[in-house]
Amino acid sequence: MYFVTKTKLQNFIFENLNITDIKGLVAVCFVVFTVTFLFEALKLLQIYFQLRVRQDPLSYAKTDTTVTDRSILLTPLLIPVDIQQIRKQRLKYHFYGCLSHMINLAVAYFIMLAFMTYNVWLGISVVSGATLGYYVFAAIGNQITQKFTAVTSKNQASTVDSESNNTSTQADSTTADSCHM
């Protein structure tokens, strides 16, 4: 196989979908460009669902409604009312992630088939759509990843700090007790 610059395509992706003139080829190139551009957004959506599955449950769980003080200092101490609610939330985002993966796979194969026509103009449409899509959506993806990672790392850091404080307190009390014996 070799790359061609023809304006006619026979049986493009589907049987009897024939492109016979340059106007049709431009329309198909625009559709392929748009699909490839949006494919990058779909990948971002899948990353979002993965981050939501791994999200700290205290950041989205419903808490006891009788608590009236919701200050920033007490928010980490609020405990979810129902563990089932957390499981449902994670299962929901996992299902959305699976659905997103299925759509990503189907779109990726469509893009591959378009490229495998070995038409230079369709190849340029695929590459330019993916490049522009990555340029636009990768920055958004980095912001979302940093947002969820920052919340998780803050919670983990506070947990590690409290555990190290507990450990040092226990060590101090053990030392004090061993001295008095």
Protein backbone atom coordinates (compact mmCIF):
# COMPACT_ATOMS: atom_id res chain seq x y z
CA MET A 1 0.00 0.00 0.00
CA TYR A 2 1.07 3.56 -0.56
CA PHE A 3 -0.34 7.01 0.12
CA VAL A 4 -2.45 8.57 -2.60
CA THR A 5 -3.81 12.03 -3.29
CA LYS A 6 -6.93 10.96 -5.21
CA THR A 7 -10.18 12.79 -4.64
CA LYS A 8 -12.27 9.66 -5.18
CA LEU A 9 -12.79 7.10 -2.44
CA GLN A 10 -14.65 3.84 -3.00
CA ASN A 11 -16.51 2.24 -0.06
CA PHE A 12 -15.22 4.69 2.55
CA ILE A 13 -15.68 2.98 5.97
CA PHE A 14 -19.10 1.65 4.91
CA GLU A 15 -20.12 -0.21 1.76
CA ASN A 16 -21.48 2.06 -0.98
CA LEU A 17 -20.24 5.23 0.74
CA ASN A 18 -18.38 6.62 -2.23
CA ILE A 19 -16.68 10.00 -2.44
CA THR A 20 -16.64 11.14 -6.05
CA ASP A 21 -15.60 14.79 -6.04
CA ILE A 22 -13.42 17.25 -4.15
CA LYS A 23 -16.40 18.77 -2.34
CA GLY A 24 -17.23 15.38 -0.84
CA LEU A 25 -13.61 14.80 0.09
CA VAL A 26 -13.43 18.17 1.87
CA ALA A 27 -16.62 17.30 3.79
CA VAL A 28 -15.23 13.90 4.80
CA CYS A 29 -11.91 15.48 5.83
CA PHE A 30 -13.80 17.97 7.99
CA VAL A 31 -15.82 15.18 9.64
CA VAL A 32 -12.68 13.11 10.27
CA PHE A 33 -10.89 16.18 11.67
CA THR A 34 -13.82 16.92 14.00
CA VAL A 35 -14.13 13.32 15.19
CA THR A 36 -10.39 13.13 15.87
CA PHE A 37 -10.49 16.47 17.70
CA LEU A 38 -13.40 15.30 19.87
CA PHE A 39 -11.64 11.97 20.47
CA GLU A 40 -9.14 13.86 22.61
CA ALA A 41 -12.05 15.24 24.66
CA LEU A 42 -13.39 11.71 25.09
CA LYS A 43 -10.01 10.60 26.44
CA LEU A 44 -10.18 13.49 28.90
CA LEU A 45 -13.64 12.38 29.97
CA GLN A 46 -12.36 8.87 30.64
CA ILE A 47 -9.53 10.26 32.77
CA TYR A 48 -12.07 12.33 34.71
CA PHE A 49 -14.14 9.24 35.51
CA GLN A 50 -11.04 7.35 36.63
CA LEU A 51 -10.11 10.19 38.96
CA ARG A 52 -13.64 10.29 40.36
CA VAL A 53 -13.50 6.56 41.17
CA ARG A 54 -10.26 7.10 43.14
CA GLN A 55 -11.51 10.27 44.80
CA ASP A 56 -11.50 10.51 48.58
CA PRO A 57 -15.04 9.63 49.70
CA LEU A 58 -15.10 12.38 52.31
CA SER A 59 -14.95 15.01 49.60
CA TYR A 60 -18.28 13.97 48.06
CA ALA A 61 -20.08 11.87 50.65
CA LYS A 62 -23.25 13.09 52.28
CA THR A 63 -22.69 13.60 55.96
CA ASP A 64 -24.88 13.72 59.00
CA THR A 65 -27.34 16.60 58.54
CA THR A 66 -27.55 17.25 62.28
CA VAL A 67 -24.05 18.73 62.27
CA THR A 68 -24.45 22.49 62.10
CA ASP A 69 -20.81 23.57 62.25
CA ARG A 70 -19.28 23.08 58.78
CA SER A 71 -16.13 25.11 59.25
CA ILE A 72 -13.01 24.21 57.31
CA LEU A 73 -11.36 22.86 60.44
CA LEU A 74 -14.17 20.41 61.15
CA THR A 75 -14.85 19.30 57.57
CA PRO A 76 -12.19 16.52 57.64
CA LEU A 77 -13.84 15.13 60.76
CA LEU A 78 -17.25 14.67 59.13
CA ILE A 79 -17.94 11.00 58.55
CA PRO A 80 -20.18 9.72 55.75
CA VAL A 81 -23.57 8.55 56.90
CA ASP A 82 -23.75 5.54 54.63
CA ILE A 83 -20.97 3.43 53.15
CA GLN A 84 -23.45 2.20 50.52
CA GLN A 85 -23.68 5.74 49.17
CA ILE A 86 -19.92 5.76 48.62
CA ARG A 87 -20.05 2.37 46.89
CA LYS A 88 -22.89 3.53 44.64
CA GLN A 89 -20.97 6.68 43.75
CA ARG A 90 -17.82 4.74 42.85
CA LEU A 91 -19.80 2.13 40.91
CA LYS A 92 -21.59 4.89 38.99
CA TYR A 93 -18.31 6.53 37.95
CA HIS A 94 -16.79 3.14 37.13
CA PHE A 95 -19.79 2.39 34.87
CA TYR A 96 -19.42 5.78 33.17
CA GLY A 97 -15.71 5.08 32.73
CA CYS A 98 -16.49 1.71 31.10
CA LEU A 99 -19.03 3.34 28.81
CA SER A 100 -16.51 6.03 27.93
CA HIS A 101 -13.89 3.38 27.21
CA MET A 102 -16.29 1.57 24.85
CA ILE A 103 -17.01 4.79 22.96
CA ASN A 104 -13.29 5.65 22.84
CA LEU A 105 -12.52 2.24 21.38
CA ALA A 106 -15.19 2.55 18.67
CA VAL A 107 -14.07 6.07 17.72
CA ALA A 108 -10.40 5.02 17.67
CA TYR A 109 -11.19 2.22 15.22
CA PHE A 110 -13.16 4.64 13.05
CA ILE A 111 -10.17 6.98 12.98
CA MET A 112 -7.84 4.08 12.20
CA LEU A 113 -10.03 2.96 9.30
CA ALA A 114 -10.11 6.49 7.93
CA PHE A 115 -6.33 6.67 8.07
CA MET A 116 -5.96 3.22 6.53
CA THR A 117 -7.54 4.45 3.29
CA TYR A 118 -4.00 5.79 2.70
CA ASN A 119 -5.46 9.04 1.44
CA VAL A 120 -3.03 11.86 2.21
CA TRP A 121 -5.83 14.37 2.86
CA LEU A 122 -7.55 12.11 5.37
CA GLY A 123 -4.20 11.41 7.01
CA ILE A 124 -3.57 15.13 7.37
CA SER A 125 -7.08 15.53 8.84
CA VAL A 126 -6.42 12.81 11.43
CA VAL A 127 -3.02 14.16 12.46
CA SER A 128 -4.13 17.80 12.60
CA GLY A 129 -7.35 16.96 14.50
CA ALA A 130 -5.41 14.92 17.05
CA THR A 131 -2.78 17.63 17.42
CA LEU A 132 -5.26 20.46 17.91
CA GLY A 133 -7.39 18.30 20.21
CA TYR A 134 -4.39 17.44 22.34
CA TYR A 135 -3.35 21.10 22.45
CA VAL A 136 -6.79 22.15 23.70
CA PHE A 137 -7.76 19.26 25.96
CA ALA A 138 -4.41 18.25 27.47
CA ALA A 139 -4.18 21.54 29.35
CA ILE A 140 -7.66 20.98 30.77
CA GLY A 141 -6.72 17.41 31.63
CA ASN A 142 -3.65 18.58 33.53
CA GLN A 143 -5.75 21.03 35.54
CA ILE A 144 -8.31 18.36 36.42
CA THR A 145 -5.62 15.85 37.36
CA GLN A 146 -3.85 18.41 39.55
CA LYS A 147 -7.14 19.33 41.22
CA PHE A 148 -7.99 15.76 42.18
CA THR A 149 -4.38 14.90 43.02
CA ALA A 150 -4.02 17.98 45.23
CA VAL A 151 -7.12 17.08 47.24
CA THR A 152 -5.94 13.49 47.63
CA SER A 153 -2.38 14.46 48.54
CA LYS A 154 -3.60 17.01 51.11
CA ASN A 155 -5.74 14.36 52.75
CA GLN A 156 -2.90 11.83 52.67
CA ALA A 157 -0.45 14.39 54.04
CA SER A 158 -2.74 15.25 56.92
CA THR A 159 -3.24 11.53 57.61
CA VAL A 160 0.53 10.91 57.56
CA ASP A 161 1.12 13.93 59.83
CA SER A 162 -1.48 12.78 62.33
CA GLU A 163 -0.11 9.23 62.26
CA SER A 164 3.44 10.48 62.83
CA ASN A 165 2.21 12.68 65.68
CA ASN A 166 0.42 9.69 67.21
CA THR A 167 3.52 7.54 66.79
CA SER A 168 5.79 10.13 68.41
CA THR A 169 3.27 10.65 71.22
CA GLN A 170 3.14 6.89 71.80
CA ALA A 171 6.93 6.68 71.74
CA ASP A 172 7.19 9.52 74.25
CA SER A 173 4.67 7.88 76.57
CA THR A 174 6.43 4.52 76.26
CA THR A 175 9.76 6.14 77.07
CA ALA A 176 8.28 7.92 80.03
CA ASP A 177 6.71 4.74 81.31
CA SER A 178 9.90 2.72 80.91
CA CYS A 179 11.80 5.34 82.87
CA HIS A 180 9.38 5.16 85.77
CA MET A 181 9.48 1.40 86.06
